[in-house]
Amino acid sequence: GATSASAQSDSPTAAPAPAASSAS
């Protein structure tokens, strides 16, 4: 029950992607 009480609660998100570089 604790894991599905609300659909809007996300799983732990990953860190934001790094800023754009010369290759990505």
PDB file of all heavy atoms in Angstrom:
ATOM      1  N   GLY A   1       0.804  -1.218   0.000  1.00  0.00           N
ATOM      2  CA  GLY A   1       0.000   0.000   0.000  1.00  0.00           C
ATOM      3  C   GLY A   1       0.826   1.252   0.000  1.00  0.00           C
ATOM      4  O   GLY A   1       0.449   2.255  -0.586  1.00  0.00           O
ATOM      5  N   ALA A   2       1.963   1.222   0.689  1.00  0.00           N
ATOM      6  CA  ALA A   2       2.751   2.449   0.812  1.00  0.00           C
ATOM      7  C   ALA A   2       3.361   2.877  -0.503  1.00  0.00           C
ATOM      8  O   ALA A   2       3.653   4.047  -0.695  1.00  0.00           O
ATOM      9  CB  ALA A   2       3.860   2.245   1.859  1.00  0.00           C
ATOM     10  N   THR A   3       3.570   1.928  -1.430  1.00  0.00           N
ATOM     11  CA  THR A   3       4.274   2.262  -2.676  1.00  0.00           C
ATOM     12  C   THR A   3       3.335   2.715  -3.771  1.00  0.00           C
ATOM     13  O   THR A   3       3.796   3.124  -4.821  1.00  0.00           O
ATOM     14  CB  THR A   3       5.054   1.039  -3.177  1.00  0.00           C
ATOM     15  OG1 THR A   3       4.139  -0.010  -3.452  1.00  0.00           O
ATOM     16  CG2 THR A   3       6.083   0.631  -2.157  1.00  0.00           C
ATOM     17  N   SER A   4       2.002   2.582  -3.562  1.00  0.00           N
ATOM     18  CA  SER A   4       1.094   2.934  -4.658  1.00  0.00           C
ATOM     19  C   SER A   4      -0.053   3.811  -4.190  1.00  0.00           C
ATOM     20  O   SER A   4      -1.134   3.749  -4.724  1.00  0.00           O
ATOM     21  CB  SER A   4       0.553   1.667  -5.313  1.00  0.00           C
ATOM     22  OG  SER A   4      -0.025   0.843  -4.337  1.00  0.00           O
ATOM     23  N   ALA A   5       0.173   4.610  -3.171  1.00  0.00           N
ATOM     24  CA  ALA A   5      -0.894   5.462  -2.667  1.00  0.00           C
ATOM     25  C   ALA A   5      -1.210   6.578  -3.652  1.00  0.00           C
ATOM     26  O   ALA A   5      -2.330   7.019  -3.769  1.00  0.00           O
ATOM     27  CB  ALA A   5      -0.521   6.054  -1.310  1.00  0.00           C
ATOM     28  N   SER A   6      -0.240   7.028  -4.352  1.00  0.00           N
ATOM     29  CA  SER A   6      -0.461   8.129  -5.307  1.00  0.00           C
ATOM     30  C   SER A   6       0.383   7.895  -6.546  1.00  0.00           C
ATOM     31  O   SER A   6       1.540   7.538  -6.440  1.00  0.00           O
ATOM     32  CB  SER A   6      -0.091   9.468  -4.680  1.00  0.00           C
ATOM     33  OG  SER A   6      -0.159  10.480  -5.644  1.00  0.00           O
ATOM     34  N   ALA A   7      -0.210   8.116  -7.703  1.00  0.00           N
ATOM     35  CA  ALA A   7       0.529   7.882  -8.950  1.00  0.00           C
ATOM     36  C   ALA A   7       1.498   8.994  -9.256  1.00  0.00           C
ATOM     37  O   ALA A   7       2.402   8.824 -10.046  1.00  0.00           O
ATOM     38  CB  ALA A   7      -0.459   7.758 -10.124  1.00  0.00           C
ATOM     39  N   GLN A   8       1.306  10.122  -8.629  1.00  0.00           N
ATOM     40  CA  GLN A   8       2.173  11.235  -8.947  1.00  0.00           C
ATOM     41  C   GLN A   8       3.466  11.212  -8.181  1.00  0.00           C
ATOM     42  O   GLN A   8       4.376  11.971  -8.490  1.00  0.00           O
ATOM     43  CB  GLN A   8       1.433  12.563  -8.652  1.00  0.00           C
ATOM     44  CG  GLN A   8       0.105  12.692  -9.358  1.00  0.00           C
ATOM     45  CD  GLN A   8       0.267  12.564 -10.844  1.00  0.00           C
ATOM     46  OE1 GLN A   8       1.247  13.019 -11.388  1.00  0.00           O
ATOM     47  NE2 GLN A   8      -0.676  11.922 -11.487  1.00  0.00           N
ATOM     48  N   SER A   9       3.596  10.409  -7.147  1.00  0.00           N
ATOM     49  CA  SER A   9       4.855  10.306  -6.403  1.00  0.00           C
ATOM     50  C   SER A   9       5.821   9.480  -7.209  1.00  0.00           C
ATOM     51  O   SER A   9       5.526   8.360  -7.578  1.00  0.00           O
ATOM     52  CB  SER A   9       4.609   9.688  -5.031  1.00  0.00           C
ATOM     53  OG  SER A   9       4.070   8.403  -5.159  1.00  0.00           O
ATOM     54  N   ASP A  10       6.972  10.034  -7.517  1.00  0.00           N
ATOM     55  CA  ASP A  10       7.929   9.381  -8.402  1.00  0.00           C
ATOM     56  C   ASP A  10       8.902   8.538  -7.606  1.00  0.00           C
ATOM     57  O   ASP A  10       9.138   8.743  -6.427  1.00  0.00           O
ATOM     58  CB  ASP A  10       8.720  10.423  -9.201  1.00  0.00           C
ATOM     59  CG  ASP A  10       7.799  11.281 -10.027  1.00  0.00           C
ATOM     60  OD1 ASP A  10       6.753  10.749 -10.442  1.00  0.00           O
ATOM     61  OD2 ASP A  10       8.130  12.475 -10.228  1.00  0.00           O
ATOM     62  N   SER A  11       9.508   7.619  -8.324  1.00  0.00           N
ATOM     63  CA  SER A  11      10.641   6.914  -7.754  1.00  0.00           C
ATOM     64  C   SER A  11      11.804   7.875  -7.693  1.00  0.00           C
ATOM     65  O   SER A  11      11.824   8.888  -8.374  1.00  0.00           O
ATOM     66  CB  SER A  11      10.994   5.717  -8.637  1.00  0.00           C
ATOM     67  OG  SER A  11      11.272   6.156  -9.930  1.00  0.00           O
ATOM     68  N   PRO A  12      12.828   7.595  -6.872  1.00  0.00           N
ATOM     69  CA  PRO A  12      13.954   8.526  -6.775  1.00  0.00           C
ATOM     70  C   PRO A  12      14.543   8.782  -8.150  1.00  0.00           C
ATOM     71  O   PRO A  12      14.925   7.876  -8.868  1.00  0.00           O
ATOM     72  CB  PRO A  12      14.943   7.779  -5.864  1.00  0.00           C
ATOM     73  CG  PRO A  12      14.087   6.879  -5.055  1.00  0.00           C
ATOM     74  CD  PRO A  12      12.973   6.462  -5.942  1.00  0.00           C
ATOM     75  N   THR A  13      14.569  10.037  -8.513  1.00  0.00           N
ATOM     76  CA  THR A  13      15.040  10.383  -9.855  1.00  0.00           C
ATOM     77  C   THR A  13      16.539  10.516  -9.874  1.00  0.00           C
ATOM     78  O   THR A  13      17.172  10.844  -8.882  1.00  0.00           O
ATOM     79  CB  THR A  13      14.398  11.712 -10.303  1.00  0.00           C
ATOM     80  OG1 THR A  13      14.734  12.712  -9.347  1.00  0.00           O
ATOM     81  CG2 THR A  13      12.880  11.581 -10.388  1.00  0.00           C
ATOM     82  N   ALA A  14      17.065  10.296 -11.053  1.00  0.00           N
ATOM     83  CA  ALA A  14      18.508  10.422 -11.218  1.00  0.00           C
ATOM     84  C   ALA A  14      18.889  11.886 -11.244  1.00  0.00           C
ATOM     85  O   ALA A  14      18.056  12.768 -11.425  1.00  0.00           O
ATOM     86  CB  ALA A  14      18.951   9.744 -12.521  1.00  0.00           C
ATOM     87  N   ALA A  15      20.149  12.141 -11.081  1.00  0.00           N
ATOM     88  CA  ALA A  15      20.629  13.511 -11.111  1.00  0.00           C
ATOM     89  C   ALA A  15      20.454  14.077 -12.506  1.00  0.00           C
ATOM     90  O   ALA A  15      20.477  13.357 -13.495  1.00  0.00           O
ATOM     91  CB  ALA A  15      22.096  13.557 -10.702  1.00  0.00           C
ATOM     92  N   PRO A  16      20.214  15.392 -12.630  1.00  0.00           N
ATOM     93  CA  PRO A  16      20.040  15.986 -13.954  1.00  0.00           C
ATOM     94  C   PRO A  16      21.255  15.738 -14.831  1.00  0.00           C
ATOM     95  O   PRO A  16      22.377  15.623 -14.361  1.00  0.00           O
ATOM     96  CB  PRO A  16      19.860  17.488 -13.648  1.00  0.00           C
ATOM     97  CG  PRO A  16      19.414  17.535 -12.216  1.00  0.00           C
ATOM     98  CD  PRO A  16      20.059  16.361 -11.557  1.00  0.00           C
ATOM     99  N   ALA A  17      20.968  15.668 -16.110  1.00  0.00           N
ATOM    100  CA  ALA A  17      22.049  15.419 -17.063  1.00  0.00           C
ATOM    101  C   ALA A  17      23.019  16.582 -17.058  1.00  0.00           C
ATOM    102  O   ALA A  17      22.650  17.725 -16.816  1.00  0.00           O
ATOM    103  CB  ALA A  17      21.476  15.223 -18.474  1.00  0.00           C
ATOM    104  N   PRO A  18      24.269  16.318 -17.312  1.00  0.00           N
ATOM    105  CA  PRO A  18      25.233  17.405 -17.337  1.00  0.00           C
ATOM    106  C   PRO A  18      24.973  18.348 -18.480  1.00  0.00           C
ATOM    107  O   PRO A  18      24.277  18.051 -19.426  1.00  0.00           O
ATOM    108  CB  PRO A  18      26.576  16.669 -17.509  1.00  0.00           C
ATOM    109  CG  PRO A  18      26.211  15.365 -18.138  1.00  0.00           C
ATOM    110  CD  PRO A  18      24.871  15.012 -17.596  1.00  0.00           C
ATOM    111  N   ALA A  19      25.546  19.524 -18.374  1.00  0.00           N
ATOM    112  CA  ALA A  19      25.361  20.531 -19.418  1.00  0.00           C
ATOM    113  C   ALA A  19      25.970  20.049 -20.725  1.00  0.00           C
ATOM    114  O   ALA A  19      26.821  19.174 -20.767  1.00  0.00           O
ATOM    115  CB  ALA A  19      26.001  21.854 -18.992  1.00  0.00           C
ATOM    116  N   ALA A  20      25.502  20.674 -21.824  1.00  0.00           N
ATOM    117  CA  ALA A  20      25.972  20.271 -23.146  1.00  0.00           C
ATOM    118  C   ALA A  20      27.459  20.568 -23.289  1.00  0.00           C
ATOM    119  O   ALA A  20      27.950  21.607 -22.917  1.00  0.00           O
ATOM    120  CB  ALA A  20      25.180  21.014 -24.223  1.00  0.00           C
ATOM    121  N   SER A  21      28.174  19.618 -23.813  1.00  0.00           N
ATOM    122  CA  SER A  21      29.597  19.789 -24.078  1.00  0.00           C
ATOM    123  C   SER A  21      29.807  19.788 -25.572  1.00  0.00           C
ATOM    124  O   SER A  21      28.872  19.806 -26.356  1.00  0.00           O
ATOM    125  CB  SER A  21      30.395  18.657 -23.411  1.00  0.00           C
ATOM    126  OG  SER A  21      30.075  17.421 -24.010  1.00  0.00           O
ATOM    127  N   SER A  22      31.067  19.767 -25.953  1.00  0.00           N
ATOM    128  CA  SER A  22      31.378  19.800 -27.379  1.00  0.00           C
ATOM    129  C   SER A  22      31.004  18.508 -28.078  1.00  0.00           C
ATOM    130  O   SER A  22      30.953  18.470 -29.295  1.00  0.00           O
ATOM    131  CB  SER A  22      32.874  20.079 -27.565  1.00  0.00           C
ATOM    132  OG  SER A  22      33.639  19.060 -26.922  1.00  0.00           O
ATOM    133  N   ALA A  23      30.763  17.447 -27.323  1.00  0.00           N
ATOM    134  CA  ALA A  23      30.478  16.158 -27.951  1.00  0.00           C
ATOM    135  C   ALA A  23      29.084  15.636 -27.635  1.00  0.00           C
ATOM    136  O   ALA A  23      28.708  14.600 -28.147  1.00  0.00           O
ATOM    137  CB  ALA A  23      31.520  15.120 -27.514  1.00  0.00           C
ATOM    138  N   SER A  24      28.309  16.310 -26.779  1.00  0.00           N
ATOM    139  CA  SER A  24      26.990  15.811 -26.411  1.00  0.00           C
ATOM    140  C   SER A  24      26.058  16.979 -26.147  1.00  0.00           C
ATOM    141  O   SER A  24      26.488  18.106 -25.887  1.00  0.00           O
ATOM    142  CB  SER A  24      27.083  14.914 -25.178  1.00  0.00           C
ATOM    143  OG  SER A  24      27.515  15.662 -24.050  1.00  0.00           O
TER     144      SER A  24
END
